Amino acid sequence: MHSATRPVLILYLKMRCKEGRTVCVETECRPLDHVLFPTDFSDNAELAFDYVKEIGRSGARTITLFHVQDRAKIYPHLQNRLEEFNRIDNGRMERLKAELENAGARDVRIELACGSPKQEILSRLKRGDVSLTVMGSQGRGYIGEIFLGSVRHSVSRRTEVPLLLVPAGI
């Protein structure tokens, strides 16, 4: 692990009204059931992947490696290369999968999508089978995304799945 890197775990509390008071609803948290690792292959994603490996060593039942081809960057000028990009990124995911399996992870899956990274990740989380998402806090964005990448910001605000955010190395 990287000593300067301190990840942040975000847990979502559900609230309800009971007898005129707002109370926290007790929920079950089983983070090792199914871990989702959305990656853009950035340096920060590599740091986050180190945590995914540790989670795999700790007995995660399922880990899904997830990459989204950013439709806005591909269409219309590079759409004829989408198959090539998918082949390259699938190879990257296969290498990550092999690392996880060598570290002791049992069930590692690969999923590729094409669209808006924010929307595709949120759509994937809405399936309801993910118990923990691990992401780098910033990816390949530009100046406006220095402190918390826009994709991570959207995911952290729009999902109820626990989220482990790994900051960029210092």
Protein backbone atom coordinates (compact mmCIF):
# COMPACT_ATOMS: atom_id res chain seq x y z
CA MET A 1 0.00 0.00 0.00
CA HIS A 2 1.02 3.56 -0.55
CA SER A 3 1.72 5.22 2.80
CA ALA A 4 0.82 8.72 1.55
CA THR A 5 -2.48 7.50 0.12
CA ARG A 6 -5.45 7.57 2.49
CA PRO A 7 -8.63 6.28 0.90
CA VAL A 8 -12.03 7.55 1.96
CA LEU A 9 -14.94 5.18 2.44
CA ILE A 10 -18.35 6.70 1.81
CA LEU A 11 -21.28 4.84 3.35
CA TYR A 12 -24.80 5.98 2.65
CA LEU A 13 -27.22 6.17 5.53
CA LYS A 14 -30.91 5.76 4.90
CA MET A 15 -33.15 7.96 6.98
CA ARG A 16 -36.87 7.69 7.74
CA CYS A 17 -39.41 9.28 9.99
CA LYS A 18 -40.39 7.22 13.03
CA GLU A 19 -42.73 8.54 15.70
CA GLY A 20 -42.14 12.13 14.58
CA ARG A 21 -38.34 11.81 14.61
CA THR A 22 -35.89 11.27 11.80
CA VAL A 23 -33.91 8.11 12.47
CA CYS A 24 -31.23 6.19 10.67
CA VAL A 25 -32.40 2.89 9.17
CA GLU A 26 -30.15 -0.02 10.01
CA THR A 27 -28.77 -1.55 6.83
CA GLU A 28 -26.49 -4.45 6.13
CA CYS A 29 -23.08 -3.68 4.62
CA ARG A 30 -21.24 -6.61 3.03
CA PRO A 31 -18.47 -4.96 1.00
CA LEU A 32 -16.75 -8.22 0.01
CA ASP A 33 -19.77 -9.65 -1.82
CA HIS A 34 -19.25 -7.89 -5.17
CA VAL A 35 -16.65 -5.19 -5.81
CA LEU A 36 -16.93 -2.97 -8.87
CA PHE A 37 -13.74 -1.33 -10.13
CA PRO A 38 -14.47 1.24 -12.84
CA THR A 39 -11.16 2.19 -14.45
CA ASP A 40 -9.99 4.73 -16.99
CA PHE A 41 -6.44 3.29 -16.80
CA SER A 42 -5.11 6.56 -15.33
CA ASP A 43 -2.29 6.70 -12.79
CA ASN A 44 -4.86 7.29 -10.03
CA ALA A 45 -6.82 4.24 -11.19
CA GLU A 46 -3.61 2.23 -10.80
CA LEU A 47 -3.37 3.36 -7.17
CA ALA A 48 -6.99 2.36 -6.62
CA PHE A 49 -6.29 -1.01 -8.24
CA ASP A 50 -3.75 -1.75 -5.49
CA TYR A 51 -6.64 -1.52 -3.02
CA VAL A 52 -8.77 -3.78 -5.22
CA LYS A 53 -5.97 -6.36 -5.11
CA GLU A 54 -5.90 -6.19 -1.31
CA ILE A 55 -9.68 -6.58 -1.22
CA GLY A 56 -9.31 -9.61 -3.52
CA ARG A 57 -6.71 -11.11 -1.17
CA SER A 58 -9.11 -10.48 1.72
CA GLY A 59 -11.74 -12.75 0.22
CA ALA A 60 -13.96 -10.70 -2.08
CA ARG A 61 -16.42 -13.12 -3.67
CA THR A 62 -16.67 -11.30 -7.02
CA ILE A 63 -14.70 -8.43 -8.56
CA THR A 64 -15.90 -6.78 -11.75
CA LEU A 65 -13.44 -4.72 -13.79
CA PHE A 66 -15.41 -2.08 -15.67
CA HIS A 67 -14.27 0.29 -18.41
CA VAL A 68 -16.34 2.74 -20.42
CA GLN A 69 -15.33 3.92 -23.87
CA ASP A 70 -16.21 7.61 -23.69
CA ARG A 71 -18.64 8.09 -26.56
CA ALA A 72 -18.04 11.87 -26.58
CA LYS A 73 -14.35 11.32 -27.33
CA ILE A 74 -14.89 8.59 -29.93
CA TYR A 75 -17.88 9.74 -31.97
CA PRO A 76 -17.99 10.79 -34.75
CA HIS A 77 -14.31 11.05 -35.73
CA LEU A 78 -12.94 7.83 -34.20
CA GLN A 79 -15.98 5.56 -34.34
CA ASN A 80 -14.33 3.43 -37.05
CA ARG A 81 -11.65 2.55 -34.44
CA LEU A 82 -14.03 1.53 -31.63
CA GLU A 83 -13.39 -2.18 -32.21
CA GLU A 84 -9.63 -1.55 -32.03
CA PHE A 85 -10.03 0.47 -28.80
CA ASN A 86 -12.18 -2.30 -27.31
CA ARG A 87 -9.56 -4.92 -28.19
CA ILE A 88 -6.76 -2.84 -26.61
CA ASP A 89 -8.76 -2.08 -23.46
CA ASN A 90 -9.96 -5.68 -23.15
CA GLY A 91 -6.28 -6.69 -23.18
CA ARG A 92 -5.57 -4.22 -20.38
CA MET A 93 -8.50 -5.63 -18.41
CA GLU A 94 -7.28 -9.20 -18.97
CA ARG A 95 -3.90 -8.20 -17.47
CA LEU A 96 -5.65 -6.69 -14.44
CA LYS A 97 -7.77 -9.84 -14.12
CA ALA A 98 -4.63 -12.03 -14.18
CA GLU A 99 -3.06 -9.86 -11.45
CA LEU A 100 -6.15 -10.23 -9.30
CA GLU A 101 -6.29 -13.99 -9.82
CA ASN A 102 -2.57 -14.29 -9.00
CA ALA A 103 -3.28 -12.34 -5.79
CA GLY A 104 -5.98 -14.88 -4.86
CA ALA A 105 -9.20 -13.32 -6.17
CA ARG A 106 -11.72 -16.04 -7.00
CA ASP A 107 -14.32 -14.67 -9.42
CA VAL A 108 -13.07 -11.82 -11.60
CA ARG A 109 -15.23 -10.48 -14.42
CA ILE A 110 -14.63 -7.98 -17.21
CA GLU A 111 -17.23 -5.58 -18.57
CA LEU A 112 -16.78 -2.98 -21.31
CA ALA A 113 -19.36 -0.34 -22.20
CA CYS A 114 -19.59 2.62 -24.54
CA GLY A 115 -21.31 5.86 -23.57
CA SER A 116 -21.00 8.55 -20.95
CA PRO A 117 -18.70 7.19 -18.21
CA LYS A 118 -20.86 8.82 -15.50
CA GLN A 119 -24.09 7.39 -16.85
CA GLU A 120 -22.68 3.94 -17.64
CA ILE A 121 -21.18 3.52 -14.16
CA LEU A 122 -24.41 4.69 -12.50
CA SER A 123 -26.43 2.38 -14.75
CA ARG A 124 -24.14 -0.52 -13.80
CA LEU A 125 -24.61 0.25 -10.11
CA LYS A 126 -28.41 0.36 -10.50
CA ARG A 127 -28.42 -3.37 -11.28
CA GLY A 128 -28.22 -3.85 -7.52
CA ASP A 129 -25.59 -6.59 -7.35
CA VAL A 130 -22.58 -4.43 -6.35
CA SER A 131 -21.69 -4.14 -2.64
CA LEU A 132 -18.66 -1.82 -2.95
CA THR A 133 -17.26 0.46 -5.66
CA VAL A 134 -13.55 1.32 -5.66
CA MET A 135 -12.44 4.33 -7.70
CA GLY A 136 -9.56 6.74 -7.94
CA SER A 137 -10.62 10.22 -6.89
CA GLN A 138 -9.48 11.73 -10.17
CA GLY A 139 -8.78 10.32 -13.57
CA ARG A 140 -7.74 11.63 -16.93
CA GLY A 141 -9.70 14.87 -16.58
CA TYR A 142 -8.53 18.42 -17.02
CA ILE A 143 -8.08 21.42 -14.69
CA GLY A 144 -11.76 21.54 -13.67
CA GLU A 145 -11.50 18.03 -12.24
CA ILE A 146 -8.30 18.40 -10.19
CA PHE A 147 -9.77 17.87 -6.72
CA LEU A 148 -12.51 15.34 -7.37
CA GLY A 149 -13.05 14.08 -10.88
CA SER A 150 -16.45 14.79 -12.36
CA VAL A 151 -17.20 11.09 -12.86
CA ARG A 152 -16.33 10.27 -9.25
CA HIS A 153 -18.28 13.30 -8.06
CA SER A 154 -21.40 12.18 -9.95
CA VAL A 155 -21.10 8.59 -8.74
CA SER A 156 -20.59 9.66 -5.12
CA ARG A 157 -23.70 11.87 -5.23
CA ARG A 158 -26.05 9.58 -7.16
CA THR A 159 -25.59 6.08 -5.81
CA GLU A 160 -26.21 4.39 -2.49
CA VAL A 161 -23.54 1.73 -3.02
CA PRO A 162 -20.62 2.17 -0.58
CA LEU A 163 -17.74 3.89 -2.35
CA LEU A 164 -14.01 3.69 -1.60
CA LEU A 165 -12.30 6.73 -3.13
CA VAL A 166 -8.52 6.51 -3.47
CA PRO A 167 -6.83 9.91 -3.80
CA ALA A 168 -4.04 10.56 -6.24
CA GLY A 169 -0.55 9.90 -4.88
CA ILE A 170 1.25 12.76 -3.24
